[in-house]
Amino acid sequence: MQHIFSLTLITALAALVDLSAARGNWFEHCGSNSLQGATLLSSCDGGGASINLNDYIANDFGHLDWRNGGQFGPSCPSCWLDYDILRCNCGRGDGSLSTTDIDLEEHLCYSGNSIYYC
């Protein structure tokens, strides 16, 4: 019984290690970054790459959140980059704006001259 518990504990710890390794690697490969609307433009390992963040980020009543097909752009009229953080002034649904941010390194990866959601 103790052997089964130990094996279960080791499996659970391995899963946690896998989750922590899932963090993106985009920022370590892509040094010069800018926004063109909701598109992230990056200079990565000597080449150019881009990703439309509207496909992966949503505005949830003034809070940026990761969501497939999120389309945050139309409701966030002002966005800028602060290193690997996307900061925006986004509509809250009541006519007001709030400043919110999201860590792009959480889910953006880079490989083979492409930035992708991971």
C-alpha atoms as a PDB file:
ATOM      1  CA  MET A   1       0.000   0.000   0.000  1.00  0.00           C
ATOM      2  CA  GLN A   2       2.821   2.401   0.847  1.00  0.00           C
ATOM      3  CA  HIS A   3       4.466   1.581  -2.494  1.00  0.00           C
ATOM      4  CA  ILE A   4       1.261   2.561  -4.365  1.00  0.00           C
ATOM      5  CA  PHE A   5       1.044   5.828  -2.394  1.00  0.00           C
ATOM      6  CA  SER A   6       4.687   6.649  -3.200  1.00  0.00           C
ATOM      7  CA  LEU A   7       4.152   5.916  -6.884  1.00  0.00           C
ATOM      8  CA  THR A   8       1.025   8.103  -6.915  1.00  0.00           C
ATOM      9  CA  LEU A   9       2.918  10.932  -5.207  1.00  0.00           C
ATOM     10  CA  ILE A  10       5.784  10.706  -7.709  1.00  0.00           C
ATOM     11  CA  THR A  11       3.316  10.775 -10.621  1.00  0.00           C
ATOM     12  CA  ALA A  12       1.556  13.834  -9.168  1.00  0.00           C
ATOM     13  CA  LEU A  13       4.858  15.669  -8.697  1.00  0.00           C
ATOM     14  CA  ALA A  14       5.913  14.851 -12.260  1.00  0.00           C
ATOM     15  CA  ALA A  15       2.641  16.342 -13.522  1.00  0.00           C
ATOM     16  CA  LEU A  16       3.325  19.545 -11.568  1.00  0.00           C
ATOM     17  CA  VAL A  17       6.787  19.802 -13.079  1.00  0.00           C
ATOM     18  CA  ASP A  18       5.255  19.383 -16.545  1.00  0.00           C
ATOM     19  CA  LEU A  19       2.790  22.220 -15.847  1.00  0.00           C
ATOM     20  CA  SER A  20       5.541  24.596 -14.766  1.00  0.00           C
ATOM     21  CA  ALA A  21       7.524  23.763 -17.909  1.00  0.00           C
ATOM     22  CA  ALA A  22       4.514  24.670 -20.060  1.00  0.00           C
ATOM     23  CA  ARG A  23       5.258  28.409 -19.677  1.00  0.00           C
ATOM     24  CA  GLY A  24       6.020  29.996 -23.032  1.00  0.00           C
ATOM     25  CA  ASN A  25       9.448  30.823 -24.391  1.00  0.00           C
ATOM     26  CA  TRP A  26       8.529  33.662 -26.769  1.00  0.00           C
ATOM     27  CA  PHE A  27      10.175  36.499 -24.841  1.00  0.00           C
ATOM     28  CA  GLU A  28      13.557  34.789 -24.511  1.00  0.00           C
ATOM     29  CA  HIS A  29      13.769  34.410 -28.321  1.00  0.00           C
ATOM     30  CA  CYS A  30      12.077  37.626 -29.456  1.00  0.00           C
ATOM     31  CA  GLY A  31      13.764  40.849 -28.393  1.00  0.00           C
ATOM     32  CA  SER A  32      12.243  43.679 -30.413  1.00  0.00           C
ATOM     33  CA  ASN A  33       8.460  43.658 -30.050  1.00  0.00           C
ATOM     34  CA  SER A  34       5.673  46.033 -31.057  1.00  0.00           C
ATOM     35  CA  LEU A  35       1.917  46.106 -31.551  1.00  0.00           C
ATOM     36  CA  GLN A  36       0.056  46.888 -34.739  1.00  0.00           C
ATOM     37  CA  GLY A  37      -3.558  46.905 -33.621  1.00  0.00           C
ATOM     38  CA  ALA A  38      -3.973  43.522 -31.911  1.00  0.00           C
ATOM     39  CA  THR A  39      -1.092  41.928 -33.814  1.00  0.00           C
ATOM     40  CA  LEU A  40       2.169  41.323 -31.978  1.00  0.00           C
ATOM     41  CA  LEU A  41       5.176  41.907 -34.259  1.00  0.00           C
ATOM     42  CA  SER A  42       8.492  40.476 -33.077  1.00  0.00           C
ATOM     43  CA  SER A  43      12.072  40.190 -34.197  1.00  0.00           C
ATOM     44  CA  CYS A  44      13.029  36.652 -33.194  1.00  0.00           C
ATOM     45  CA  ASP A  45      16.411  34.987 -33.611  1.00  0.00           C
ATOM     46  CA  GLY A  46      17.242  37.277 -36.529  1.00  0.00           C
ATOM     47  CA  GLY A  47      13.886  36.907 -38.310  1.00  0.00           C
ATOM     48  CA  GLY A  48      10.428  38.418 -38.106  1.00  0.00           C
ATOM     49  CA  ALA A  49       7.358  36.753 -36.616  1.00  0.00           C
ATOM     50  CA  SER A  50       3.830  37.835 -35.710  1.00  0.00           C
ATOM     51  CA  ILE A  51       0.662  36.598 -34.049  1.00  0.00           C
ATOM     52  CA  ASN A  52      -2.851  38.045 -33.921  1.00  0.00           C
ATOM     53  CA  LEU A  53      -3.572  38.280 -30.189  1.00  0.00           C
ATOM     54  CA  ASN A  54      -7.311  38.674 -30.915  1.00  0.00           C
ATOM     55  CA  ASP A  55      -7.317  34.944 -31.595  1.00  0.00           C
ATOM     56  CA  TYR A  56      -6.292  34.132 -27.995  1.00  0.00           C
ATOM     57  CA  ILE A  57      -7.113  37.021 -25.634  1.00  0.00           C
ATOM     58  CA  ALA A  58     -10.520  38.317 -24.521  1.00  0.00           C
ATOM     59  CA  ASN A  59     -11.715  41.387 -22.657  1.00  0.00           C
ATOM     60  CA  ASP A  60     -13.884  40.148 -19.799  1.00  0.00           C
ATOM     61  CA  PHE A  61     -15.549  43.338 -18.508  1.00  0.00           C
ATOM     62  CA  GLY A  62     -12.266  45.250 -18.274  1.00  0.00           C
ATOM     63  CA  HIS A  63      -9.987  42.308 -17.534  1.00  0.00           C
ATOM     64  CA  LEU A  64      -7.776  40.585 -20.125  1.00  0.00           C
ATOM     65  CA  ASP A  65      -8.028  36.803 -20.085  1.00  0.00           C
ATOM     66  CA  TRP A  66      -6.750  33.931 -22.241  1.00  0.00           C
ATOM     67  CA  ARG A  67      -9.612  32.632 -24.401  1.00  0.00           C
ATOM     68  CA  ASN A  68      -9.685  31.040 -27.839  1.00  0.00           C
ATOM     69  CA  GLY A  69     -11.229  33.505 -30.307  1.00  0.00           C
ATOM     70  CA  GLY A  70     -11.298  36.212 -27.613  1.00  0.00           C
ATOM     71  CA  GLN A  71     -11.383  39.315 -29.866  1.00  0.00           C
ATOM     72  CA  PHE A  72     -10.268  41.790 -27.161  1.00  0.00           C
ATOM     73  CA  GLY A  73      -9.142  44.430 -29.701  1.00  0.00           C
ATOM     74  CA  PRO A  74     -12.418  46.216 -30.501  1.00  0.00           C
ATOM     75  CA  SER A  75     -13.205  46.838 -26.814  1.00  0.00           C
ATOM     76  CA  CYS A  76      -9.653  47.831 -25.799  1.00  0.00           C
ATOM     77  CA  PRO A  77      -8.886  51.083 -27.661  1.00  0.00           C
ATOM     78  CA  SER A  78      -5.412  51.607 -26.214  1.00  0.00           C
ATOM     79  CA  CYS A  79      -2.806  48.854 -25.738  1.00  0.00           C
ATOM     80  CA  TRP A  80       0.964  48.837 -25.258  1.00  0.00           C
ATOM     81  CA  LEU A  81       3.761  46.438 -24.392  1.00  0.00           C
ATOM     82  CA  ASP A  82       5.748  46.558 -21.166  1.00  0.00           C
ATOM     83  CA  TYR A  83       8.417  43.908 -21.840  1.00  0.00           C
ATOM     84  CA  ASP A  84       6.398  40.649 -21.941  1.00  0.00           C
ATOM     85  CA  ILE A  85       3.255  42.224 -20.454  1.00  0.00           C
ATOM     86  CA  LEU A  86       0.394  43.440 -22.653  1.00  0.00           C
ATOM     87  CA  ARG A  87      -1.323  46.414 -20.981  1.00  0.00           C
ATOM     88  CA  CYS A  88      -4.602  47.846 -22.259  1.00  0.00           C
ATOM     89  CA  ASN A  89      -7.350  50.286 -21.407  1.00  0.00           C
ATOM     90  CA  CYS A  90     -10.423  48.107 -21.899  1.00  0.00           C
ATOM     91  CA  GLY A  91     -14.157  48.677 -21.747  1.00  0.00           C
ATOM     92  CA  ARG A  92     -15.902  47.386 -18.642  1.00  0.00           C
ATOM     93  CA  GLY A  93     -19.317  47.090 -20.263  1.00  0.00           C
ATOM     94  CA  ASP A  94     -20.719  50.145 -18.450  1.00  0.00           C
ATOM     95  CA  GLY A  95     -19.070  52.792 -20.648  1.00  0.00           C
ATOM     96  CA  SER A  96     -15.979  53.134 -18.470  1.00  0.00           C
ATOM     97  CA  LEU A  97     -12.449  51.872 -19.110  1.00  0.00           C
ATOM     98  CA  SER A  98     -10.063  50.072 -16.807  1.00  0.00           C
ATOM     99  CA  THR A  99      -6.343  49.465 -17.202  1.00  0.00           C
ATOM    100  CA  THR A 100      -5.594  45.758 -17.252  1.00  0.00           C
ATOM    101  CA  ASP A 101      -2.719  43.522 -18.237  1.00  0.00           C
ATOM    102  CA  ILE A 102      -1.822  39.982 -19.188  1.00  0.00           C
ATOM    103  CA  ASP A 103       1.540  38.199 -19.193  1.00  0.00           C
ATOM    104  CA  LEU A 104       2.132  37.113 -22.788  1.00  0.00           C
ATOM    105  CA  GLU A 105       4.884  34.749 -21.677  1.00  0.00           C
ATOM    106  CA  GLU A 106       2.207  32.564 -20.012  1.00  0.00           C
ATOM    107  CA  HIS A 107       1.031  31.168 -23.347  1.00  0.00           C
ATOM    108  CA  LEU A 108       3.168  32.428 -26.219  1.00  0.00           C
ATOM    109  CA  CYS A 109       5.897  30.179 -27.580  1.00  0.00           C
ATOM    110  CA  TYR A 110       8.368  30.579 -30.400  1.00  0.00           C
ATOM    111  CA  SER A 111       9.800  27.928 -32.700  1.00  0.00           C
ATOM    112  CA  GLY A 112      10.764  27.718 -36.356  1.00  0.00           C
ATOM    113  CA  ASN A 113      10.243  31.443 -37.062  1.00  0.00           C
ATOM    114  CA  SER A 114       6.681  31.310 -35.676  1.00  0.00           C
ATOM    115  CA  ILE A 115       5.009  32.641 -32.552  1.00  0.00           C
ATOM    116  CA  TYR A 116       2.164  30.402 -31.455  1.00  0.00           C
ATOM    117  CA  TYR A 117      -0.205  29.801 -28.539  1.00  0.00           C
ATOM    118  CA  CYS A 118       1.051  27.088 -26.206  1.00  0.00           C
END
